[in-house]
Structures are given as structure tokens and as C-alpha cells.
């Protein structure tokens, strides 16, 4: 087996320069992060959300409001 220094090892994560990432991808990833964080704060990762350890409705509301602002402000760039 020969070592090819040009190809990174399989365990090394692929890193992309932010300048190379399209704006719509950055917006979409931010929206997914906000949505996932809000779901966690609502307790949706637990079998019984009503007794979830990480449930924090005020924090969830803030995340959902931020998500709504992001989506509203960038709607024209995200498409139909």
C-alpha cells in the first residue's frame, strides 16, 4: 500500500473556507441549527417532553423568534 500525502486521512474532517460556501447554504445551515436547538429546548428529544430535563420554553421561544427573523429576512433568497 502506498501513502498518498495529497489525500487527507479518512479520520480528518473536511474543512471548507467560509468564502467558498454559498450564502444560501450558510442561511440554511443556520436555520437548521436554530430549529434543532429549539426542538431540544422544547424537550422533543425525550420520550416524554413534559418532563424533559433540558426543557426551557423561554429559551425555545427565543430560538424560534430568531429562526423566524432569519427566514423572513432571507425568504427572497431561499426560493419558493
N, C-alpha and C. Protein backbone atom coordinates (compact mmCIF):
# COMPACT_ATOMS: atom_id res chain seq x y z
N UNK A 1 0.84 -1.17 0.00
CA UNK A 1 0.00 0.00 0.00
C UNK A 1 0.89 1.24 0.00
N UNK A 2 0.57 2.20 -0.84
CA UNK A 2 1.37 3.43 -0.89
C UNK A 2 0.63 4.56 -0.21
N UNK A 3 1.39 5.40 0.45
CA UNK A 3 0.80 6.57 1.10
C UNK A 3 0.72 7.71 0.09
N UNK A 4 -0.44 8.33 0.03
CA UNK A 4 -0.63 9.46 -0.86
C UNK A 4 -0.80 10.71 0.01
N UNK A 5 0.24 11.54 0.13
CA UNK A 5 0.14 12.70 1.02
C UNK A 5 -0.88 13.74 0.52
N UNK A 6 -1.27 13.65 -0.74
CA UNK A 6 -2.23 14.62 -1.28
C UNK A 6 -3.64 14.40 -0.76
N UNK A 7 -3.96 13.17 -0.39
CA UNK A 7 -5.31 12.90 0.12
C UNK A 7 -5.29 12.83 1.64
N UNK A 8 -6.23 13.55 2.31
CA UNK A 8 -6.25 13.55 3.78
C UNK A 8 -6.70 12.20 4.32
N UNK A 9 -6.27 11.86 5.53
CA UNK A 9 -6.72 10.60 6.15
C UNK A 9 -8.24 10.60 6.33
N UNK A 10 -8.82 9.43 6.38
CA UNK A 10 -10.28 9.30 6.49
C UNK A 10 -10.82 9.89 7.79
N UNK A 11 -10.00 9.93 8.84
CA UNK A 11 -10.47 10.43 10.13
C UNK A 11 -10.44 11.95 10.21
N UNK A 12 -9.76 12.61 9.29
CA UNK A 12 -9.65 14.07 9.32
C UNK A 12 -10.90 14.69 8.67
N UNK A 13 -11.61 15.56 9.40
CA UNK A 13 -12.82 16.16 8.83
C UNK A 13 -12.47 17.11 7.69
N UNK A 14 -13.37 17.18 6.73
CA UNK A 14 -13.18 18.09 5.60
C UNK A 14 -13.50 19.51 6.04
N UNK A 15 -12.59 20.42 5.84
CA UNK A 15 -12.77 21.81 6.25
C UNK A 15 -12.92 22.66 4.99
N UNK A 16 -13.94 23.51 5.00
CA UNK A 16 -14.18 24.40 3.86
C UNK A 16 -13.98 25.84 4.31
N UNK A 17 -13.43 26.63 3.43
CA UNK A 17 -13.26 28.06 3.70
C UNK A 17 -14.63 28.73 3.59
N UNK A 18 -14.97 29.57 4.55
CA UNK A 18 -16.27 30.24 4.54
C UNK A 18 -16.50 31.04 3.28
N UNK A 19 -15.45 31.56 2.68
CA UNK A 19 -15.59 32.34 1.46
C UNK A 19 -16.07 31.49 0.29
N UNK A 20 -15.88 30.17 0.37
CA UNK A 20 -16.28 29.27 -0.71
C UNK A 20 -17.69 28.73 -0.55
N UNK A 21 -18.34 29.01 0.57
CA UNK A 21 -19.68 28.47 0.83
C UNK A 21 -20.72 29.49 0.37
N UNK A 22 -21.67 29.07 -0.47
CA UNK A 22 -22.71 30.00 -0.94
C UNK A 22 -23.57 30.50 0.22
N UNK A 23 -24.04 31.73 0.11
CA UNK A 23 -24.85 32.36 1.17
C UNK A 23 -26.07 31.53 1.51
N UNK A 24 -26.74 30.97 0.50
CA UNK A 24 -27.95 30.20 0.78
C UNK A 24 -27.64 28.98 1.63
N UNK A 25 -26.47 28.39 1.47
CA UNK A 25 -26.08 27.25 2.30
C UNK A 25 -25.82 27.67 3.74
N UNK A 26 -25.19 28.81 3.93
CA UNK A 26 -24.94 29.33 5.28
C UNK A 26 -26.27 29.62 5.97
N UNK A 27 -27.20 30.26 5.25
CA UNK A 27 -28.52 30.58 5.81
C UNK A 27 -29.26 29.31 6.17
N UNK A 28 -29.24 28.32 5.29
CA UNK A 28 -29.94 27.06 5.54
C UNK A 28 -29.36 26.33 6.74
N UNK A 29 -28.05 26.28 6.84
CA UNK A 29 -27.42 25.61 7.98
C UNK A 29 -27.74 26.31 9.29
N UNK A 30 -27.75 27.64 9.26
CA UNK A 30 -28.11 28.40 10.46
C UNK A 30 -29.55 28.11 10.86
N UNK A 31 -30.44 28.02 9.88
CA UNK A 31 -31.85 27.73 10.16
C UNK A 31 -32.00 26.34 10.77
N UNK A 32 -31.29 25.37 10.23
CA UNK A 32 -31.36 24.01 10.77
C UNK A 32 -30.82 23.97 12.20
N UNK A 33 -29.75 24.70 12.47
CA UNK A 33 -29.18 24.75 13.82
C UNK A 33 -30.18 25.37 14.79
N UNK A 34 -30.81 26.48 14.41
CA UNK A 34 -31.80 27.13 15.27
C UNK A 34 -33.00 26.21 15.51
N UNK A 35 -33.46 25.54 14.44
CA UNK A 35 -34.61 24.64 14.57
C UNK A 35 -34.28 23.46 15.49
N UNK A 36 -33.10 22.90 15.34
CA UNK A 36 -32.69 21.77 16.18
C UNK A 36 -32.55 22.18 17.64
N UNK A 37 -31.95 23.35 17.86
CA UNK A 37 -31.79 23.84 19.24
C UNK A 37 -33.14 24.11 19.88
N UNK A 38 -34.08 24.68 19.12
CA UNK A 38 -35.42 24.94 19.65
C UNK A 38 -36.12 23.63 20.00
N UNK A 39 -35.97 22.62 19.16
CA UNK A 39 -36.59 21.32 19.44
C UNK A 39 -36.03 20.73 20.73
N UNK A 40 -34.73 20.85 20.93
CA UNK A 40 -34.12 20.37 22.18
C UNK A 40 -34.68 21.12 23.38
N UNK A 41 -34.80 22.44 23.26
CA UNK A 41 -35.31 23.25 24.38
C UNK A 41 -36.79 22.98 24.65
N UNK A 42 -37.51 22.50 23.64
CA UNK A 42 -38.91 22.12 23.84
C UNK A 42 -39.03 20.72 24.44
N UNK A 43 -37.91 20.01 24.52
CA UNK A 43 -37.92 18.68 25.10
C UNK A 43 -38.29 17.59 24.12
N UNK A 44 -38.26 17.89 22.82
CA UNK A 44 -38.71 16.93 21.83
C UNK A 44 -37.77 15.75 21.63
N UNK A 45 -36.58 15.79 22.21
CA UNK A 45 -35.67 14.65 22.10
C UNK A 45 -35.95 13.59 23.16
N UNK A 46 -36.76 13.92 24.15
CA UNK A 46 -37.11 12.98 25.21
C UNK A 46 -38.41 12.25 24.87
N UNK A 47 -38.56 11.01 25.38
CA UNK A 47 -39.81 10.28 25.15
C UNK A 47 -41.04 11.02 25.67
N UNK A 48 -40.87 11.71 26.80
CA UNK A 48 -41.97 12.49 27.37
C UNK A 48 -41.52 13.95 27.50
N UNK A 49 -41.82 14.78 26.50
CA UNK A 49 -41.35 16.17 26.52
C UNK A 49 -41.80 16.97 27.74
N UNK A 50 -42.90 16.58 28.37
CA UNK A 50 -43.41 17.32 29.53
C UNK A 50 -42.46 17.27 30.72
N UNK A 51 -41.65 16.22 30.81
CA UNK A 51 -40.73 16.07 31.94
C UNK A 51 -39.27 16.08 31.48
N UNK A 52 -39.00 16.63 30.32
CA UNK A 52 -37.64 16.66 29.77
C UNK A 52 -36.71 17.47 30.67
N UNK A 53 -35.51 16.97 30.85
CA UNK A 53 -34.51 17.62 31.70
C UNK A 53 -34.10 18.98 31.13
N UNK A 54 -33.95 19.05 29.82
CA UNK A 54 -33.46 20.27 29.16
C UNK A 54 -34.58 21.17 28.68
N UNK A 55 -35.78 20.94 29.11
CA UNK A 55 -36.92 21.75 28.64
C UNK A 55 -36.83 23.17 29.20
N UNK A 56 -36.86 24.13 28.31
CA UNK A 56 -36.79 25.55 28.69
C UNK A 56 -37.59 26.32 27.64
N UNK A 57 -38.84 26.58 27.94
CA UNK A 57 -39.74 27.19 26.96
C UNK A 57 -39.33 28.62 26.60
N UNK A 58 -38.77 29.36 27.55
CA UNK A 58 -38.33 30.72 27.24
C UNK A 58 -37.18 30.70 26.25
N UNK A 59 -36.23 29.82 26.45
CA UNK A 59 -35.11 29.69 25.51
C UNK A 59 -35.61 29.22 24.15
N UNK A 60 -36.56 28.29 24.14
CA UNK A 60 -37.12 27.81 22.87
C UNK A 60 -37.80 28.95 22.12
N UNK A 61 -38.52 29.79 22.84
CA UNK A 61 -39.20 30.93 22.22
C UNK A 61 -38.18 31.86 21.57
N UNK A 62 -37.08 32.12 22.24
CA UNK A 62 -36.04 32.99 21.69
C UNK A 62 -35.44 32.41 20.41
N UNK A 63 -35.18 31.12 20.43
CA UNK A 63 -34.62 30.47 19.25
C UNK A 63 -35.61 30.48 18.08
N UNK A 64 -36.88 30.23 18.37
CA UNK A 64 -37.90 30.24 17.33
C UNK A 64 -38.07 31.64 16.75
N UNK A 65 -38.01 32.66 17.60
CA UNK A 65 -38.10 34.04 17.13
C UNK A 65 -36.90 34.38 16.24
N UNK A 66 -35.71 33.96 16.62
CA UNK A 66 -34.52 34.18 15.79
C UNK A 66 -34.65 33.46 14.46
N UNK A 67 -35.16 32.24 14.48
CA UNK A 67 -35.37 31.48 13.26
C UNK A 67 -36.37 32.19 12.35
N UNK A 68 -37.46 32.68 12.92
CA UNK A 68 -38.47 33.39 12.14
C UNK A 68 -37.87 34.64 11.49
N UNK A 69 -37.05 35.36 12.24
CA UNK A 69 -36.41 36.55 11.70
C UNK A 69 -35.46 36.22 10.56
N UNK A 70 -34.68 35.16 10.72
CA UNK A 70 -33.75 34.74 9.68
C UNK A 70 -34.49 34.34 8.41
N UNK A 71 -35.53 33.53 8.56
CA UNK A 71 -36.29 33.06 7.41
C UNK A 71 -37.01 34.22 6.73
N UNK A 72 -37.61 35.11 7.51
CA UNK A 72 -38.32 36.25 6.95
C UNK A 72 -37.36 37.16 6.18
N UNK A 73 -36.22 37.44 6.77
CA UNK A 73 -35.26 38.34 6.13
C UNK A 73 -34.61 37.75 4.89
N UNK A 74 -34.52 36.44 4.81
CA UNK A 74 -33.83 35.81 3.68
C UNK A 74 -34.77 35.04 2.75
N UNK A 75 -36.06 35.21 2.90
CA UNK A 75 -37.04 34.45 2.11
C UNK A 75 -36.83 34.61 0.61
N UNK A 76 -36.51 35.79 0.16
CA UNK A 76 -36.36 36.01 -1.28
C UNK A 76 -35.17 35.24 -1.86
N UNK A 77 -34.19 34.89 -1.02
CA UNK A 77 -33.01 34.17 -1.49
C UNK A 77 -33.16 32.65 -1.36
N UNK A 78 -34.12 32.21 -0.58
CA UNK A 78 -34.29 30.78 -0.32
C UNK A 78 -35.16 30.09 -1.36
N UNK A 79 -35.93 30.84 -2.12
CA UNK A 79 -36.78 30.27 -3.15
C UNK A 79 -38.14 29.90 -2.60
N UNK A 80 -39.00 29.36 -3.50
CA UNK A 80 -40.38 29.05 -3.09
C UNK A 80 -40.47 27.87 -2.15
